[in-house]
C-alpha atoms as a PDB file:
ATOM      1  CA  MET A   1      -0.044  -0.137   0.020  1.00  0.00           C
ATOM      2  CA  THR A   2       1.319   3.881  -0.898  1.00  0.00           C
ATOM      3  CA  THR A   3       0.375   6.705   0.203  1.00  0.00           C
ATOM      4  CA  ALA A   4       0.730   9.876  -1.211  1.00  0.00           C
ATOM      5  CA  PRO A   5      -0.440  12.979   0.870  1.00  0.00           C
ATOM      6  CA  THR A   6       0.147  16.464  -0.555  1.00  0.00           C
ATOM      7  CA  PRO A   7       2.555  18.408   1.130  1.00  0.00           C
ATOM      8  CA  ILE A   8       1.340  21.578   3.384  1.00  0.00           C
ATOM      9  CA  PRO A   9       4.582  24.360   2.931  1.00  0.00           C
ATOM     10  CA  GLN A  10       3.964  27.671   4.474  1.00  0.00           C
ATOM     11  CA  GLN A  11       2.721  30.767   2.736  1.00  0.00           C
ATOM     12  CA  LEU A  12       4.492  33.207   4.514  1.00  0.00           C
ATOM     13  CA  SER A  13       3.458  36.550   2.523  1.00  0.00           C
ATOM     14  CA  ASN A  14      -0.540  35.800   2.939  1.00  0.00           C
ATOM     15  CA  THR A  15       0.125  35.125   6.471  1.00  0.00           C
ATOM     16  CA  ALA A  16       2.092  38.474   7.105  1.00  0.00           C
ATOM     17  CA  ILE A  17      -0.395  40.126   5.148  1.00  0.00           C
ATOM     18  CA  GLU A  18      -3.214  38.327   7.391  1.00  0.00           C
ATOM     19  CA  GLN A  19      -1.240  39.215  10.604  1.00  0.00           C
ATOM     20  CA  LYS A  20      -0.933  43.119   9.457  1.00  0.00           C
ATOM     21  CA  ILE A  21      -4.417  43.418   9.012  1.00  0.00           C
ATOM     22  CA  LEU A  22      -5.666  41.779  11.849  1.00  0.00           C
ATOM     23  CA  ARG A  23      -3.248  44.238  14.075  1.00  0.00           C
ATOM     24  CA  ARG A  24      -4.683  47.173  12.107  1.00  0.00           C
ATOM     25  CA  SER A  25      -7.868  46.133  12.962  1.00  0.00           C
ATOM     26  CA  ILE A  26      -7.432  45.670  16.849  1.00  0.00           C
ATOM     27  CA  LEU A  27      -6.035  49.317  16.891  1.00  0.00           C
ATOM     28  CA  CYS A  28      -9.117  50.368  15.269  1.00  0.00           C
ATOM     29  CA  THR A  29     -11.728  48.302  17.234  1.00  0.00           C
ATOM     30  CA  LEU A  30     -10.314  49.495  20.574  1.00  0.00           C
ATOM     31  CA  PHE A  31     -10.380  52.955  19.263  1.00  0.00           C
ATOM     32  CA  ILE A  32     -14.381  52.570  18.364  1.00  0.00           C
ATOM     33  CA  ALA A  33     -14.673  50.433  21.557  1.00  0.00           C
ATOM     34  CA  SER A  34     -13.444  53.481  23.837  1.00  0.00           C
ATOM     35  CA  SER A  35     -15.352  56.216  21.756  1.00  0.00           C
ATOM     36  CA  GLY A  36     -18.469  54.243  22.276  1.00  0.00           C
ATOM     37  CA  ILE A  37     -18.160  53.525  26.008  1.00  0.00           C
ATOM     38  CA  VAL A  38     -17.447  57.321  26.450  1.00  0.00           C
ATOM     39  CA  PHE A  39     -20.054  58.943  24.058  1.00  0.00           C
ATOM     40  CA  GLY A  40     -22.679  56.388  25.416  1.00  0.00           C
ATOM     41  CA  ILE A  41     -22.331  57.618  29.229  1.00  0.00           C
ATOM     42  CA  VAL A  42     -22.039  61.506  28.308  1.00  0.00           C
ATOM     43  CA  CYS A  43     -24.703  61.125  25.808  1.00  0.00           C
ATOM     44  CA  GLY A  44     -27.110  58.796  28.108  1.00  0.00           C
ATOM     45  CA  SER A  45     -26.945  56.074  25.505  1.00  0.00           C
ATOM     46  CA  MET A  46     -27.865  52.413  26.432  1.00  0.00           C
ATOM     47  CA  SER A  47     -27.379  51.515  22.602  1.00  0.00           C
ATOM     48  CA  ILE A  48     -24.524  53.765  21.961  1.00  0.00           C
ATOM     49  CA  VAL A  49     -22.760  51.528  24.950  1.00  0.00           C
ATOM     50  CA  PHE A  50     -23.700  48.650  23.551  1.00  0.00           C
ATOM     51  CA  ASP A  51     -22.165  49.801  20.465  1.00  0.00           C
ATOM     52  CA  GLY A  52     -18.785  50.366  22.380  1.00  0.00           C
ATOM     53  CA  MET A  53     -18.829  46.765  24.309  1.00  0.00           C
ATOM     54  CA  PHE A  54     -19.557  45.166  20.979  1.00  0.00           C
ATOM     55  CA  SER A  55     -16.388  46.945  19.574  1.00  0.00           C
ATOM     56  CA  ALA A  56     -14.405  45.959  22.731  1.00  0.00           C
ATOM     57  CA  LEU A  57     -15.512  42.006  22.575  1.00  0.00           C
ATOM     58  CA  ASP A  58     -14.835  42.096  18.770  1.00  0.00           C
ATOM     59  CA  ALA A  59     -11.346  43.543  19.631  1.00  0.00           C
ATOM     60  CA  GLY A  60     -10.695  40.707  22.035  1.00  0.00           C
ATOM     61  CA  MET A  61     -11.572  38.256  19.623  1.00  0.00           C
ATOM     62  CA  CYS A  62      -9.801  39.798  16.976  1.00  0.00           C
ATOM     63  CA  ALA A  63      -6.537  39.552  19.112  1.00  0.00           C
ATOM     64  CA  LEU A  64      -7.413  35.812  19.550  1.00  0.00           C
ATOM     65  CA  SER A  65      -7.645  35.482  15.915  1.00  0.00           C
ATOM     66  CA  LEU A  66      -4.047  36.984  15.215  1.00  0.00           C
ATOM     67  CA  MET A  67      -2.557  34.552  17.717  1.00  0.00           C
ATOM     68  CA  VAL A  68      -4.663  31.638  15.832  1.00  0.00           C
ATOM     69  CA  SER A  69      -2.811  33.192  12.596  1.00  0.00           C
ATOM     70  CA  ARG A  70       0.534  33.257  13.903  1.00  0.00           C
ATOM     71  CA  LEU A  71       0.111  29.412  14.999  1.00  0.00           C
ATOM     72  CA  LEU A  72      -1.274  28.501  11.549  1.00  0.00           C
ATOM     73  CA  GLY A  73       1.978  30.249  10.312  1.00  0.00           C
ATOM     74  CA  GLN A  74       4.330  27.935  12.282  1.00  0.00           C
ATOM     75  CA  PRO A  75       5.334  24.645  11.093  1.00  0.00           C
ATOM     76  CA  HIS A  76       3.913  21.537  12.578  1.00  0.00           C
ATOM     77  CA  SER A  77       5.580  20.183  15.685  1.00  0.00           C
ATOM     78  CA  ARG A  78       5.620  16.476  16.331  1.00  0.00           C
ATOM     79  CA  ARG A  79       3.063  16.916  19.156  1.00  0.00           C
ATOM     80  CA  PHE A  80       0.555  18.703  16.392  1.00  0.00           C
ATOM     81  CA  GLN A  81       1.675  16.587  13.412  1.00  0.00           C
ATOM     82  CA  TYR A  82      -1.438  17.610  11.585  1.00  0.00           C
ATOM     83  CA  GLY A  83      -1.115  21.509  12.295  1.00  0.00           C
ATOM     84  CA  PHE A  84      -3.306  23.511  13.727  1.00  0.00           C
ATOM     85  CA  TRP A  85      -6.208  24.122  11.735  1.00  0.00           C
ATOM     86  CA  HIS A  86      -8.657  22.834  14.337  1.00  0.00           C
ATOM     87  CA  ILE A  87      -7.864  25.883  16.158  1.00  0.00           C
ATOM     88  CA  GLU A  88      -9.580  27.917  13.697  1.00  0.00           C
ATOM     89  CA  PRO A  89     -13.121  26.907  13.836  1.00  0.00           C
ATOM     90  CA  LEU A  90     -12.828  26.722  17.853  1.00  0.00           C
ATOM     91  CA  VAL A  91     -11.799  30.647  17.482  1.00  0.00           C
ATOM     92  CA  LEU A  92     -15.078  31.165  15.101  1.00  0.00           C
ATOM     93  CA  ALA A  93     -17.198  29.137  17.391  1.00  0.00           C
ATOM     94  CA  PHE A  94     -16.091  30.786  20.759  1.00  0.00           C
ATOM     95  CA  ASN A  95     -16.101  34.374  19.204  1.00  0.00           C
ATOM     96  CA  GLY A  96     -19.908  33.773  17.620  1.00  0.00           C
ATOM     97  CA  SER A  97     -21.126  32.527  21.115  1.00  0.00           C
ATOM     98  CA  LEU A  98     -20.029  35.240  22.736  1.00  0.00           C
ATOM     99  CA  LEU A  99     -21.641  37.930  20.301  1.00  0.00           C
ATOM    100  CA  THR A 100     -24.612  35.846  20.678  1.00  0.00           C
ATOM    101  CA  LEU A 101     -24.962  36.137  24.477  1.00  0.00           C
ATOM    102  CA  LEU A 102     -24.057  40.168  24.387  1.00  0.00           C
ATOM    103  CA  CYS A 103     -26.984  40.565  21.837  1.00  0.00           C
ATOM    104  CA  LEU A 104     -29.222  38.515  23.926  1.00  0.00           C
ATOM    105  CA  TYR A 105     -28.104  40.708  26.787  1.00  0.00           C
ATOM    106  CA  ALA A 106     -28.465  43.967  25.097  1.00  0.00           C
ATOM    107  CA  PHE A 107     -32.048  42.702  23.906  1.00  0.00           C
ATOM    108  CA  VAL A 108     -33.099  42.152  27.651  1.00  0.00           C
ATOM    109  CA  ASN A 109     -31.708  45.106  28.603  1.00  0.00           C
ATOM    110  CA  ALA A 110     -33.497  47.430  25.938  1.00  0.00           C
ATOM    111  CA  VAL A 111     -36.951  45.650  27.008  1.00  0.00           C
ATOM    112  CA  LYS A 112     -36.375  46.617  30.528  1.00  0.00           C
ATOM    113  CA  GLY A 113     -35.361  50.152  29.378  1.00  0.00           C
ATOM    114  CA  ILE A 114     -38.727  50.641  27.438  1.00  0.00           C
ATOM    115  CA  ALA A 115     -40.827  48.952  30.311  1.00  0.00           C
ATOM    116  CA  ASP A 116     -39.042  51.480  32.771  1.00  0.00           C
ATOM    117  CA  GLY A 117     -40.534  54.616  30.542  1.00  0.00           C
ATOM    118  CA  GLY A 118     -37.282  54.990  28.345  1.00  0.00           C
ATOM    119  CA  ARG A 119     -34.706  57.497  29.250  1.00  0.00           C
ATOM    120  CA  GLU A 120     -33.529  60.826  27.976  1.00  0.00           C
ATOM    121  CA  LEU A 121     -30.331  61.158  25.818  1.00  0.00           C
ATOM    122  CA  GLU A 122     -28.139  64.017  24.406  1.00  0.00           C
ATOM    123  CA  LEU A 123     -28.803  64.082  20.754  1.00  0.00           C
ATOM    124  CA  GLY A 124     -26.333  66.313  19.214  1.00  0.00           C
ATOM    125  CA  TRP A 125     -23.565  64.303  20.711  1.00  0.00           C
ATOM    126  CA  ALA A 126     -25.269  60.990  19.888  1.00  0.00           C
ATOM    127  CA  ILE A 127     -25.769  62.199  15.802  1.00  0.00           C
ATOM    128  CA  VAL A 128     -21.824  63.258  15.794  1.00  0.00           C
ATOM    129  CA  TYR A 129     -20.885  60.100  17.011  1.00  0.00           C
ATOM    130  CA  ALA A 130     -23.283  57.754  14.767  1.00  0.00           C
ATOM    131  CA  VAL A 131     -21.996  59.814  11.780  1.00  0.00           C
ATOM    132  CA  THR A 132     -18.444  59.741  12.827  1.00  0.00           C
ATOM    133  CA  ILE A 133     -18.238  55.605  13.610  1.00  0.00           C
ATOM    134  CA  SER A 134     -20.648  54.706  10.497  1.00  0.00           C
ATOM    135  CA  PHE A 135     -18.079  56.156   8.370  1.00  0.00           C
ATOM    136  CA  PHE A 136     -15.294  54.939   9.628  1.00  0.00           C
ATOM    137  CA  CYS A 137     -16.704  51.106  10.038  1.00  0.00           C
ATOM    138  CA  PHE A 138     -17.834  51.115   6.430  1.00  0.00           C
ATOM    139  CA  PHE A 139     -14.567  52.453   5.158  1.00  0.00           C
ATOM    140  CA  LEU A 140     -12.686  49.788   7.139  1.00  0.00           C
ATOM    141  CA  TYR A 141     -15.155  46.813   5.687  1.00  0.00           C
ATOM    142  CA  PHE A 142     -14.788  47.901   2.412  1.00  0.00           C
ATOM    143  CA  LYS A 143     -10.869  48.201   2.911  1.00  0.00           C
ATOM    144  CA  GLN A 144     -10.749  44.749   4.629  1.00  0.00           C
ATOM    145  CA  LEU A 145     -13.324  43.198   1.801  1.00  0.00           C
ATOM    146  CA  LYS A 146     -10.684  44.115  -0.895  1.00  0.00           C
ATOM    147  CA  LEU A 147      -7.441  43.039   0.838  1.00  0.00           C
ATOM    148  CA  ASN A 148      -9.283  39.573   1.843  1.00  0.00           C
ATOM    149  CA  LYS A 149      -9.642  39.107  -2.037  1.00  0.00           C
ATOM    150  CA  GLN A 150      -5.803  38.058  -2.072  1.00  0.00           C
ATOM    151  CA  VAL A 151      -5.339  36.663   1.437  1.00  0.00           C
ATOM    152  CA  LYS A 152      -8.660  34.548   1.416  1.00  0.00           C
ATOM    153  CA  SER A 153      -8.768  34.144   5.157  1.00  0.00           C
ATOM    154  CA  GLU A 154     -11.798  32.894   7.226  1.00  0.00           C
ATOM    155  CA  LEU A 155     -10.316  34.816  10.180  1.00  0.00           C
ATOM    156  CA  ILE A 156     -10.526  38.137   8.268  1.00  0.00           C
ATOM    157  CA  ALA A 157     -13.641  37.089   6.626  1.00  0.00           C
ATOM    158  CA  LEU A 158     -14.941  36.906  10.361  1.00  0.00           C
ATOM    159  CA  ASP A 159     -13.417  40.250  11.131  1.00  0.00           C
ATOM    160  CA  THR A 160     -14.631  41.868   8.082  1.00  0.00           C
ATOM    161  CA  LYS A 161     -18.234  40.837   9.037  1.00  0.00           C
ATOM    162  CA  SER A 162     -17.694  42.328  12.595  1.00  0.00           C
ATOM    163  CA  TRP A 163     -16.861  45.695  11.074  1.00  0.00           C
ATOM    164  CA  LEU A 164     -19.776  45.639   8.563  1.00  0.00           C
ATOM    165  CA  MET A 165     -22.459  44.822  11.865  1.00  0.00           C
ATOM    166  CA  SER A 166     -20.601  47.790  13.535  1.00  0.00           C
ATOM    167  CA  ALA A 167     -21.696  49.902  10.555  1.00  0.00           C
ATOM    168  CA  CYS A 168     -24.984  48.831  10.682  1.00  0.00           C
ATOM    169  CA  ILE A 169     -25.441  49.527  14.151  1.00  0.00           C
ATOM    170  CA  SER A 170     -23.962  53.037  14.117  1.00  0.00           C
ATOM    171  CA  SER A 171     -26.111  53.433  10.941  1.00  0.00           C
ATOM    172  CA  ALA A 172     -29.410  52.470  12.358  1.00  0.00           C
ATOM    173  CA  LEU A 173     -28.446  54.439  15.421  1.00  0.00           C
ATOM    174  CA  LEU A 174     -27.944  57.363  13.547  1.00  0.00           C
ATOM    175  CA  VAL A 175     -31.056  56.960  11.870  1.00  0.00           C
ATOM    176  CA  ALA A 176     -32.773  56.721  14.905  1.00  0.00           C
ATOM    177  CA  PHE A 177     -31.171  59.820  16.659  1.00  0.00           C
ATOM    178  CA  ILE A 178     -32.238  61.910  13.487  1.00  0.00           C
ATOM    179  CA  LEU A 179     -35.690  60.763  13.560  1.00  0.00           C
ATOM    180  CA  SER A 180     -36.069  61.481  17.493  1.00  0.00           C
ATOM    181  CA  TRP A 181     -34.247  65.036  16.604  1.00  0.00           C
ATOM    182  CA  LEU A 182     -36.772  65.704  13.851  1.00  0.00           C
ATOM    183  CA  MET A 183     -39.486  64.841  16.444  1.00  0.00           C
ATOM    184  CA  GLU A 184     -38.438  67.511  18.837  1.00  0.00           C
ATOM    185  CA  GLY A 185     -40.852  70.489  19.130  1.00  0.00           C
ATOM    186  CA  THR A 186     -43.791  68.205  17.824  1.00  0.00           C
ATOM    187  CA  ARG A 187     -46.699  65.995  19.446  1.00  0.00           C
ATOM    188  CA  TYR A 188     -44.443  62.850  19.243  1.00  0.00           C
ATOM    189  CA  GLU A 189     -41.953  64.624  21.384  1.00  0.00           C
ATOM    190  CA  HIS A 190     -42.674  62.566  24.447  1.00  0.00           C
ATOM    191  CA  LEU A 191     -41.844  59.192  22.342  1.00  0.00           C
ATOM    192  CA  ILE A 192     -38.383  60.527  22.225  1.00  0.00           C
ATOM    193  CA  VAL A 193     -37.061  58.927  25.229  1.00  0.00           C
ATOM    194  CA  TYR A 194     -38.109  55.408  23.813  1.00  0.00           C
ATOM    195  CA  ALA A 195     -35.838  55.918  20.655  1.00  0.00           C
ATOM    196  CA  ASP A 196     -32.431  54.959  22.414  1.00  0.00           C
ATOM    197  CA  PRO A 197     -33.892  51.431  24.121  1.00  0.00           C
ATOM    198  CA  LEU A 198     -36.305  50.836  21.215  1.00  0.00           C
ATOM    199  CA  ALA A 199     -33.395  51.148  18.241  1.00  0.00           C
ATOM    200  CA  LEU A 200     -31.634  48.645  20.781  1.00  0.00           C
ATOM    201  CA  ALA A 201     -34.057  46.054  20.728  1.00  0.00           C
ATOM    202  CA  ILE A 202     -34.512  46.046  16.989  1.00  0.00           C
ATOM    203  CA  LEU A 203     -30.618  46.183  16.459  1.00  0.00           C
ATOM    204  CA  THR A 204     -29.856  43.039  18.451  1.00  0.00           C
ATOM    205  CA  LEU A 205     -32.807  40.825  17.062  1.00  0.00           C
ATOM    206  CA  VAL A 206     -31.312  41.705  13.554  1.00  0.00           C
ATOM    207  CA  LEU A 207     -27.900  41.077  14.283  1.00  0.00           C
ATOM    208  CA  LEU A 208     -28.869  37.872  16.283  1.00  0.00           C
ATOM    209  CA  PRO A 209     -28.706  35.540  13.226  1.00  0.00           C
ATOM    210  CA  ILE A 210     -25.267  36.414  11.905  1.00  0.00           C
ATOM    211  CA  PRO A 211     -23.341  35.250  14.904  1.00  0.00           C
ATOM    212  CA  ILE A 212     -25.600  32.068  15.512  1.00  0.00           C
ATOM    213  CA  LYS A 213     -24.752  30.875  11.944  1.00  0.00           C
ATOM    214  CA  THR A 214     -21.258  31.829  12.350  1.00  0.00           C
ATOM    215  CA  VAL A 215     -21.409  29.260  15.545  1.00  0.00           C
ATOM    216  CA  LYS A 216     -23.511  26.444  13.277  1.00  0.00           C
ATOM    217  CA  SER A 217     -21.051  26.334  10.428  1.00  0.00           C
ATOM    218  CA  ALA A 218     -17.747  26.342  13.052  1.00  0.00           C
ATOM    219  CA  MET A 219     -19.263  23.910  14.987  1.00  0.00           C
ATOM    220  CA  SER A 220     -19.798  21.458  12.175  1.00  0.00           C
ATOM    221  CA  GLU A 221     -16.145  21.841  11.304  1.00  0.00           C
ATOM    222  CA  VAL A 222     -15.201  21.283  15.026  1.00  0.00           C
ATOM    223  CA  LEU A 223     -17.126  18.014  14.986  1.00  0.00           C
ATOM    224  CA  GLN A 224     -15.479  17.071  11.582  1.00  0.00           C
ATOM    225  CA  MET A 225     -18.950  16.906   9.886  1.00  0.00           C
ATOM    226  CA  THR A 226     -18.260  16.121   5.938  1.00  0.00           C
ATOM    227  CA  PRO A 227     -19.882  18.804   3.781  1.00  0.00           C
ATOM    228  CA  ASP A 228     -22.786  16.974   1.599  1.00  0.00           C
ATOM    229  CA  SER A 229     -21.060  18.979  -1.401  1.00  0.00           C
ATOM    230  CA  LEU A 230     -17.867  17.686  -0.720  1.00  0.00           C
ATOM    231  CA  ASP A 231     -18.953  14.117  -0.111  1.00  0.00           C
ATOM    232  CA  CYS A 232     -20.806  14.430  -3.526  1.00  0.00           C
ATOM    233  CA  LYS A 233     -17.918  15.406  -5.340  1.00  0.00           C
ATOM    234  CA  VAL A 234     -15.627  12.749  -4.154  1.00  0.00           C
ATOM    235  CA  GLU A 235     -18.179  10.301  -4.822  1.00  0.00           C
ATOM    236  CA  ALA A 236     -18.782  11.545  -8.245  1.00  0.00           C
ATOM    237  CA  ILE A 237     -14.565  11.413  -8.656  1.00  0.00           C
ATOM    238  CA  MET A 238     -14.330   7.944  -7.684  1.00  0.00           C
ATOM    239  CA  ALA A 239     -17.522   6.612  -9.531  1.00  0.00           C
ATOM    240  CA  GLN A 240     -16.148   7.968 -12.815  1.00  0.00           C
ATOM    241  CA  LEU A 241     -12.496   6.436 -12.334  1.00  0.00           C
ATOM    242  CA  THR A 242     -14.050   3.000 -11.349  1.00  0.00           C
ATOM    243  CA  LEU A 243     -15.646   2.933 -14.439  1.00  0.00           C
ATOM    244  CA  GLU A 244     -12.531   3.579 -16.271  1.00  0.00           C
ATOM    245  CA  TYR A 245      -9.982   1.463 -14.509  1.00  0.00           C
ATOM    246  CA  GLY A 246     -12.307  -1.408 -13.127  1.00  0.00           C
ATOM    247  CA  PHE A 247     -11.271  -0.908  -9.492  1.00  0.00           C
ATOM    248  CA  LEU A 248     -12.805  -3.421  -7.218  1.00  0.00           C
ATOM    249  CA  ASP A 249     -14.155  -1.264  -4.539  1.00  0.00           C
ATOM    250  CA  TYR A 250     -12.897   1.910  -2.625  1.00  0.00           C
ATOM    251  CA  SER A 251     -13.916   4.094   0.165  1.00  0.00           C
ATOM    252  CA  ASN A 252     -13.029   7.674   0.743  1.00  0.00           C
ATOM    253  CA  TYR A 253     -13.537  10.001   3.960  1.00  0.00           C
ATOM    254  CA  ALA A 254     -13.178  14.028   3.336  1.00  0.00           C
ATOM    255  CA  THR A 255     -13.490  16.531   5.959  1.00  0.00           C
ATOM    256  CA  ARG A 256     -13.050  20.470   6.052  1.00  0.00           C
ATOM    257  CA  MET A 257     -11.373  21.987   9.453  1.00  0.00           C
ATOM    258  CA  GLY A 258     -10.791  25.660   9.052  1.00  0.00           C
ATOM    259  CA  ARG A 259      -9.027  26.255   6.307  1.00  0.00           C
ATOM    260  CA  GLY A 260      -7.563  22.816   5.934  1.00  0.00           C
ATOM    261  CA  LEU A 261      -8.741  20.250   3.443  1.00  0.00           C
ATOM    262  CA  PHE A 262      -8.268  16.656   4.294  1.00  0.00           C
ATOM    263  CA  ILE A 263      -9.148  13.774   2.139  1.00  0.00           C
ATOM    264  CA  GLU A 264      -8.422   9.906   2.358  1.00  0.00           C
ATOM    265  CA  ILE A 265      -8.944   7.439  -0.520  1.00  0.00           C
ATOM    266  CA  HIS A 266      -8.478   4.077  -0.478  1.00  0.00           C
ATOM    267  CA  ILE A 267      -8.698   1.877  -3.320  1.00  0.00           C
ATOM    268  CA  VAL A 268      -8.999  -2.074  -4.039  1.00  0.00           C
ATOM    269  CA  ILE A 269      -7.335  -2.837  -7.632  1.00  0.00           C
ATOM    270  CA  PRO A 270      -8.091  -5.797  -9.910  1.00  0.00           C
ATOM    271  CA  GLU A 271      -5.283  -8.274 -10.360  1.00  0.00           C
ATOM    272  CA  SER A 272      -4.798  -6.924 -13.924  1.00  0.00           C
ATOM    273  CA  MET A 273      -3.277  -3.849 -12.441  1.00  0.00           C
ATOM    274  CA  GLU A 274      -1.054  -5.709  -9.921  1.00  0.00           C
ATOM    275  CA  LYS A 275       2.127  -4.903 -11.784  1.00  0.00           C
ATOM    276  CA  SER A 276       0.964  -1.807 -13.222  1.00  0.00           C
ATOM    277  CA  GLY A 277       4.078   0.155 -11.820  1.00  0.00           C
ATOM    278  CA  VAL A 278       4.244   3.174  -9.561  1.00  0.00           C
ATOM    279  CA  GLN A 279       4.026   5.511 -12.327  1.00  0.00           C
ATOM    280  CA  LYS A 280       0.550   4.322 -13.107  1.00  0.00           C
ATOM    281  CA  PHE A 281      -0.762   4.841 -10.094  1.00  0.00           C
ATOM    282  CA  ASP A 282       0.752   8.391  -9.857  1.00  0.00           C
ATOM    283  CA  LYS A 283      -1.190   8.972 -13.017  1.00  0.00           C
ATOM    284  CA  ILE A 284      -4.421   8.087 -11.341  1.00  0.00           C
ATOM    285  CA  ARG A 285      -3.324  10.215  -8.214  1.00  0.00           C
ATOM    286  CA  ASP A 286      -2.676  13.218 -10.401  1.00  0.00           C
ATOM    287  CA  GLN A 287      -5.793  12.712 -12.268  1.00  0.00           C
ATOM    288  CA  ILE A 288      -7.948  12.571  -8.726  1.00  0.00           C
ATOM    289  CA  ALA A 289      -5.843  15.189  -7.423  1.00  0.00           C
ATOM    290  CA  ASP A 290      -6.861  17.742 -10.393  1.00  0.00           C
ATOM    291  CA  ALA A 291     -10.450  16.643 -10.554  1.00  0.00           C
ATOM    292  CA  ILE A 292     -10.557  17.658  -6.409  1.00  0.00           C
ATOM    293  CA  GLY A 293      -9.157  20.904  -7.210  1.00  0.00           C
ATOM    294  CA  GLU A 294      -8.366  23.377  -4.311  1.00  0.00           C
ATOM    295  CA  ASP A 295      -4.403  22.580  -4.971  1.00  0.00           C
ATOM    296  CA  SER A 296      -2.823  24.724  -1.766  1.00  0.00           C
ATOM    297  CA  PRO A 297      -0.797  24.421   1.337  1.00  0.00           C
ATOM    298  CA  HIS A 298      -4.234  24.155   2.919  1.00  0.00           C
ATOM    299  CA  ARG A 299      -5.207  20.648   1.056  1.00  0.00           C
ATOM    300  CA  TRP A 300      -3.997  17.209   2.596  1.00  0.00           C
ATOM    301  CA  LEU A 301      -4.667  14.589   0.024  1.00  0.00           C
ATOM    302  CA  THR A 302      -3.938  10.992   0.624  1.00  0.00           C
ATOM    303  CA  ILE A 303      -4.464   7.890  -2.174  1.00  0.00           C
ATOM    304  CA  SER A 304      -3.541   4.400  -1.659  1.00  0.00           C
ATOM    305  CA  PHE A 305      -3.691   1.464  -3.269  1.00  0.00           C
ATOM    306  CA  THR A 306      -4.182  -2.237  -2.438  1.00  0.00           C
ATOM    307  CA  HIS A 307      -5.562  -5.838  -3.525  1.00  0.00           C
ATOM    308  CA  ASP A 308      -6.774  -7.069   0.060  1.00  0.00           C
ATOM    309  CA  PRO A 309     -10.179  -5.291   0.764  1.00  0.00           C
ATOM    310  CA  LYS A 310      -9.627  -5.310   4.587  1.00  0.00           C
ATOM    311  CA  TRP A 311      -7.747  -2.110   4.135  1.00  0.00           C
ATOM    312  CA  LEU A 312     -10.429   0.054   3.077  1.00  0.00           C
END
């Protein structure tokens, strides 16, 4: 039986770019977090404080993502011979879980604020904050979206989603604050006190599905659940090659873990192929590898040939 795992060299350039983007994102997020908390307290706005807390949590998760990126850029050790791919979905699941809890906690506080009769807030400073932070977040979102087309990092993709969520939060707050400002001096002025908790409640309900989706996707990788599309793809490739070469049987195992793709294929060959030689089997390996695609340092492909079905 012979095996041919695809080697996994390190792409230092992409890893370096990934870490640079994450470091910059941490600094920017900390700035927004501190601004949100300070402005929220000054304006008396729980929704702005929520925006600041969201950014503070995001900064912590971004720092954790940076640590993971550094791990993924290290050579494989004897203790972690398959690399550190499993850490990436763990971080995504942890991040998404914390964001989910934050949204739920903020929603409960918003409902309590409405039940308590709302709260007064300083609209002038609140509008200034919302305009500034909205522009800043949208700018960073589009910038990271463009940069990640080159790096193609799941960690940066998650951080980019966080910037979009922050931008949407600030924009929604801006709309709520402007509407409150327009209601001043009208017969609806008494409703202004409900603007802040109501905006917070709506925001948390709208944002909640995003981290839940992240947790669901990450947990499927943590549990090493094989995506249906990947399983069907490998099955179709092997069914075609079985017809072409007359294989007696085969088995295949595949999963994704973070940016890593792991595939094992074991093939039972007929007697007529026993003396075909290594070159023939290498040609078949190349056919399978080309059909699977995704030839990158993150693909770990093992293909073995045997005459004994017990090795399946």
